[in-house]
C-alpha atoms as a PDB file:
ATOM      1  CA  UNK A   1     252.753 -36.518 281.823  1.00  0.00           C
ATOM      2  CA  UNK A   2     249.696 -35.526 279.807  1.00  0.00           C
ATOM      3  CA  UNK A   3     246.365 -37.307 280.083  1.00  0.00           C
ATOM      4  CA  UNK A   4     244.493 -37.253 276.771  1.00  0.00           C
ATOM      5  CA  UNK A   5     241.101 -38.438 275.551  1.00  0.00           C
ATOM      6  CA  UNK A   6     239.921 -39.079 271.985  1.00  0.00           C
ATOM      7  CA  UNK A   7     236.176 -38.932 271.230  1.00  0.00           C
ATOM      8  CA  UNK A   8     235.344 -39.821 267.623  1.00  0.00           C
ATOM      9  CA  UNK A   9     232.622 -42.026 266.141  1.00  0.00           C
ATOM     10  CA  UNK A  10     234.948 -43.421 263.458  1.00  0.00           C
ATOM     11  CA  UNK A  11     237.122 -46.274 264.813  1.00  0.00           C
ATOM     12  CA  UNK A  12     239.671 -45.899 262.009  1.00  0.00           C
ATOM     13  CA  UNK A  13     240.166 -42.207 262.847  1.00  0.00           C
ATOM     14  CA  UNK A  14     240.639 -43.063 266.531  1.00  0.00           C
ATOM     15  CA  UNK A  15     243.170 -45.788 265.706  1.00  0.00           C
ATOM     16  CA  UNK A  16     245.130 -43.551 263.337  1.00  0.00           C
ATOM     17  CA  UNK A  17     245.258 -40.682 265.823  1.00  0.00           C
ATOM     18  CA  UNK A  18     246.200 -43.044 268.659  1.00  0.00           C
ATOM     19  CA  UNK A  19     249.116 -44.480 266.624  1.00  0.00           C
ATOM     20  CA  UNK A  20     250.357 -41.008 265.684  1.00  0.00           C
ATOM     21  CA  UNK A  21     250.188 -39.765 269.273  1.00  0.00           C
ATOM     22  CA  UNK A  22     251.956 -42.836 270.642  1.00  0.00           C
ATOM     23  CA  UNK A  23     254.715 -42.471 268.071  1.00  0.00           C
ATOM     24  CA  UNK A  24     255.220 -38.697 267.962  1.00  0.00           C
ATOM     25  CA  UNK A  25     254.005 -37.273 271.297  1.00  0.00           C
ATOM     26  CA  UNK A  26     255.805 -39.069 274.128  1.00  0.00           C
ATOM     27  CA  UNK A  27     254.515 -36.469 276.603  1.00  0.00           C
ATOM     28  CA  UNK A  28     251.096 -38.154 276.426  1.00  0.00           C
ATOM     29  CA  UNK A  29     251.482 -40.971 278.924  1.00  0.00           C
ATOM     30  CA  UNK A  30     247.827 -41.812 279.564  1.00  0.00           C
ATOM     31  CA  UNK A  31     245.528 -42.037 276.520  1.00  0.00           C
ATOM     32  CA  UNK A  32     241.927 -43.193 276.447  1.00  0.00           C
ATOM     33  CA  UNK A  33     239.450 -43.214 273.575  1.00  0.00           C
ATOM     34  CA  UNK A  34     235.824 -43.908 272.780  1.00  0.00           C
ATOM     35  CA  UNK A  35     233.552 -44.019 269.755  1.00  0.00           C
ATOM     36  CA  UNK A  36     230.484 -43.054 271.811  1.00  0.00           C
ATOM     37  CA  UNK A  37     229.677 -39.454 272.802  1.00  0.00           C
ATOM     38  CA  UNK A  38     227.821 -40.444 275.984  1.00  0.00           C
ATOM     39  CA  UNK A  39     230.738 -42.580 277.129  1.00  0.00           C
ATOM     40  CA  UNK A  40     232.972 -39.652 276.243  1.00  0.00           C
ATOM     41  CA  UNK A  41     231.049 -37.418 278.637  1.00  0.00           C
ATOM     42  CA  UNK A  42     231.488 -40.013 281.356  1.00  0.00           C
ATOM     43  CA  UNK A  43     235.224 -40.263 280.646  1.00  0.00           C
ATOM     44  CA  UNK A  44     235.632 -36.487 280.743  1.00  0.00           C
ATOM     45  CA  UNK A  45     234.150 -36.471 284.245  1.00  0.00           C
ATOM     46  CA  UNK A  46     235.982 -39.533 285.590  1.00  0.00           C
ATOM     47  CA  UNK A  47     239.300 -39.624 283.683  1.00  0.00           C
ATOM     48  CA  UNK A  48     239.711 -35.810 283.786  1.00  0.00           C
ATOM     49  CA  UNK A  49     241.868 -35.371 280.675  1.00  0.00           C
ATOM     50  CA  UNK A  50     244.169 -32.418 280.183  1.00  0.00           C
ATOM     51  CA  UNK A  51     243.764 -32.658 276.417  1.00  0.00           C
ATOM     52  CA  UNK A  52     240.657 -33.651 274.446  1.00  0.00           C
ATOM     53  CA  UNK A  53     240.651 -34.639 270.764  1.00  0.00           C
ATOM     54  CA  UNK A  54     237.014 -34.179 269.769  1.00  0.00           C
ATOM     55  CA  UNK A  55     235.154 -34.980 266.564  1.00  0.00           C
ATOM     56  CA  UNK A  56     232.623 -32.304 265.622  1.00  0.00           C
ATOM     57  CA  UNK A  57     230.189 -34.388 263.549  1.00  0.00           C
ATOM     58  CA  UNK A  58     228.981 -37.494 265.338  1.00  0.00           C
ATOM     59  CA  UNK A  59     225.630 -39.247 264.821  1.00  0.00           C
ATOM     60  CA  UNK A  60     223.986 -38.949 268.247  1.00  0.00           C
ATOM     61  CA  UNK A  61     225.466 -35.654 269.413  1.00  0.00           C
ATOM     62  CA  UNK A  62     227.866 -33.130 267.891  1.00  0.00           C
ATOM     63  CA  UNK A  63     231.101 -32.254 269.604  1.00  0.00           C
ATOM     64  CA  UNK A  64     229.672 -28.830 270.464  1.00  0.00           C
ATOM     65  CA  UNK A  65     226.553 -30.367 272.020  1.00  0.00           C
ATOM     66  CA  UNK A  66     228.795 -32.639 274.064  1.00  0.00           C
ATOM     67  CA  UNK A  67     230.805 -29.684 275.360  1.00  0.00           C
ATOM     68  CA  UNK A  68     227.610 -27.878 276.416  1.00  0.00           C
ATOM     69  CA  UNK A  69     227.011 -30.764 278.844  1.00  0.00           C
ATOM     70  CA  UNK A  70     230.417 -30.458 280.502  1.00  0.00           C
ATOM     71  CA  UNK A  71     230.033 -28.390 283.693  1.00  0.00           C
ATOM     72  CA  UNK A  72     233.597 -27.069 283.708  1.00  0.00           C
ATOM     73  CA  UNK A  73     235.975 -27.123 280.755  1.00  0.00           C
ATOM     74  CA  UNK A  74     239.412 -27.176 282.350  1.00  0.00           C
ATOM     75  CA  UNK A  75     241.234 -28.939 279.525  1.00  0.00           C
ATOM     76  CA  UNK A  76     242.494 -28.043 276.058  1.00  0.00           C
ATOM     77  CA  UNK A  77     240.436 -29.103 273.042  1.00  0.00           C
ATOM     78  CA  UNK A  78     241.579 -30.040 269.557  1.00  0.00           C
ATOM     79  CA  UNK A  79     238.795 -30.471 266.994  1.00  0.00           C
END
């Protein structure tokens, strides 16, 4: 079972990725998503994903700025 998190400011991109993962990656059993970078930071710390799908360009904070705020990166990242 893989726990995955999607952080992207575009709801349509999140929905498309979610549908593709649900259909083609059955190994992902627990999938959460958010359109807000700050909420994403909170989810990284509480949900503890094994795999993170991260948007690079977001309005309040870039994906790289978000990662700088994560104390320990112990998950795989797909940009």
